[in-house]
C-alpha atoms as a PDB file:
ATOM      1  CA  MET A   1     117.558 -75.027  65.303  1.00  0.00           C
ATOM      2  CA  SER A   2     116.255 -78.386  64.140  1.00  0.00           C
ATOM      3  CA  VAL A   3     115.128 -78.792  60.547  1.00  0.00           C
ATOM      4  CA  ASP A   4     112.836 -81.607  59.443  1.00  0.00           C
ATOM      5  CA  TRP A   5     114.640 -82.446  56.187  1.00  0.00           C
ATOM      6  CA  SER A   6     111.994 -84.830  54.840  1.00  0.00           C
ATOM      7  CA  ALA A   7     109.260 -82.209  55.261  1.00  0.00           C
ATOM      8  CA  ARG A   8     111.499 -79.568  53.705  1.00  0.00           C
ATOM      9  CA  ALA A   9     112.259 -81.836  50.733  1.00  0.00           C
ATOM     10  CA  MET A  10     108.558 -82.452  50.150  1.00  0.00           C
ATOM     11  CA  GLN A  11     107.815 -78.734  50.424  1.00  0.00           C
ATOM     12  CA  THR A  12     110.614 -77.921  47.949  1.00  0.00           C
ATOM     13  CA  LEU A  13     109.232 -80.535  45.557  1.00  0.00           C
ATOM     14  CA  LYS A  14     105.746 -79.029  45.852  1.00  0.00           C
ATOM     15  CA  TYR A  15     107.027 -75.514  45.097  1.00  0.00           C
ATOM     16  CA  ALA A  16     109.233 -76.732  42.237  1.00  0.00           C
ATOM     17  CA  MET A  17     106.380 -78.640  40.580  1.00  0.00           C
ATOM     18  CA  ALA A  18     104.215 -75.520  40.797  1.00  0.00           C
ATOM     19  CA  MET A  19     107.044 -73.597  39.131  1.00  0.00           C
ATOM     20  CA  LYS A  20     107.216 -76.236  36.383  1.00  0.00           C
ATOM     21  CA  ARG A  21     103.448 -76.118  35.752  1.00  0.00           C
ATOM     22  CA  ASN A  22     103.555 -72.323  35.477  1.00  0.00           C
ATOM     23  CA  MET A  23     106.503 -72.481  33.071  1.00  0.00           C
ATOM     24  CA  GLN A  24     104.734 -75.043  30.885  1.00  0.00           C
ATOM     25  CA  LYS A  25     101.516 -73.001  30.934  1.00  0.00           C
ATOM     26  CA  LYS A  26     103.439 -69.901  29.783  1.00  0.00           C
ATOM     27  CA  ASN A  27     105.453 -71.979  27.277  1.00  0.00           C
ATOM     28  CA  ILE A  28     108.836 -70.800  28.592  1.00  0.00           C
ATOM     29  CA  THR A  29     111.952 -72.844  29.359  1.00  0.00           C
ATOM     30  CA  ARG A  30     113.629 -70.588  31.953  1.00  0.00           C
ATOM     31  CA  ALA A  31     112.191 -68.714  34.909  1.00  0.00           C
ATOM     32  CA  LYS A  32     113.128 -67.051  38.171  1.00  0.00           C
ATOM     33  CA  ALA A  33     111.071 -66.984  41.380  1.00  0.00           C
ATOM     34  CA  LYS A  34     111.571 -65.692  44.921  1.00  0.00           C
ATOM     35  CA  CYS A  35     112.912 -68.393  47.241  1.00  0.00           C
ATOM     36  CA  PRO A  36     110.536 -69.233  50.122  1.00  0.00           C
ATOM     37  CA  TYR A  37     113.467 -70.106  52.427  1.00  0.00           C
ATOM     38  CA  CYS A  38     115.908 -67.184  52.050  1.00  0.00           C
ATOM     39  CA  ASP A  39     116.375 -63.845  50.280  1.00  0.00           C
ATOM     40  CA  GLY A  40     117.637 -65.466  47.080  1.00  0.00           C
ATOM     41  CA  TYR A  41     115.912 -66.487  43.864  1.00  0.00           C
ATOM     42  CA  TRP A  42     115.188 -69.887  42.376  1.00  0.00           C
ATOM     43  CA  HIS A  43     116.415 -70.257  38.821  1.00  0.00           C
ATOM     44  CA  GLY A  44     114.520 -72.952  36.962  1.00  0.00           C
ATOM     45  CA  ARG A  45     115.121 -74.505  33.566  1.00  0.00           C
ATOM     46  CA  LEU A  46     113.129 -77.080  31.631  1.00  0.00           C
ATOM     47  CA  ALA A  47     115.482 -79.421  29.780  1.00  0.00           C
ATOM     48  CA  GLY A  48     115.011 -82.004  27.061  1.00  0.00           C
ATOM     49  CA  LEU A  49     111.998 -83.365  25.255  1.00  0.00           C
ATOM     50  CA  LYS A  50     110.403 -84.502  28.512  1.00  0.00           C
ATOM     51  CA  GLN A  51     110.912 -81.039  30.042  1.00  0.00           C
ATOM     52  CA  HIS A  52     112.692 -82.133  33.215  1.00  0.00           C
ATOM     53  CA  LEU A  53     113.077 -79.347  35.754  1.00  0.00           C
ATOM     54  CA  HIS A  54     116.513 -78.251  36.960  1.00  0.00           C
ATOM     55  CA  MET A  55     116.176 -75.743  39.792  1.00  0.00           C
ATOM     56  CA  GLY A  56     118.560 -74.109  42.237  1.00  0.00           C
ATOM     57  CA  CYS A  57     118.595 -71.182  44.638  1.00  0.00           C
ATOM     58  CA  ASP A  58     121.271 -68.513  44.309  1.00  0.00           C
ATOM     59  CA  GLY A  59     120.845 -67.522  47.991  1.00  0.00           C
ATOM     60  CA  ASN A  60     122.391 -69.036  51.085  1.00  0.00           C
ATOM     61  CA  CYS A  61     119.761 -71.765  51.740  1.00  0.00           C
ATOM     62  CA  GLY A  62     121.191 -74.133  49.128  1.00  0.00           C
ATOM     63  CA  ALA A  63     117.824 -75.394  47.876  1.00  0.00           C
ATOM     64  CA  MET A  64     118.124 -77.331  44.641  1.00  0.00           C
ATOM     65  CA  MET A  65     116.262 -80.010  42.759  1.00  0.00           C
ATOM     66  CA  MET A  66     116.560 -81.957  39.556  1.00  0.00           C
ATOM     67  CA  GLU A  67     113.636 -83.911  38.224  1.00  0.00           C
END
């Protein structure tokens, strides 16, 4: 199975930024969402004054991102 890693990275970024917008709208610093790639969950955290997103999947896909 061939995976287009650049497309997957852009898709992960798109999903993570949506997660960040929702967290900021709800005024929360931690959230959990269903992973679009596997059966796990994304755990997101907004850190610091600039609210940078730290996100990682606890499933087997290994998706993670740090803004």
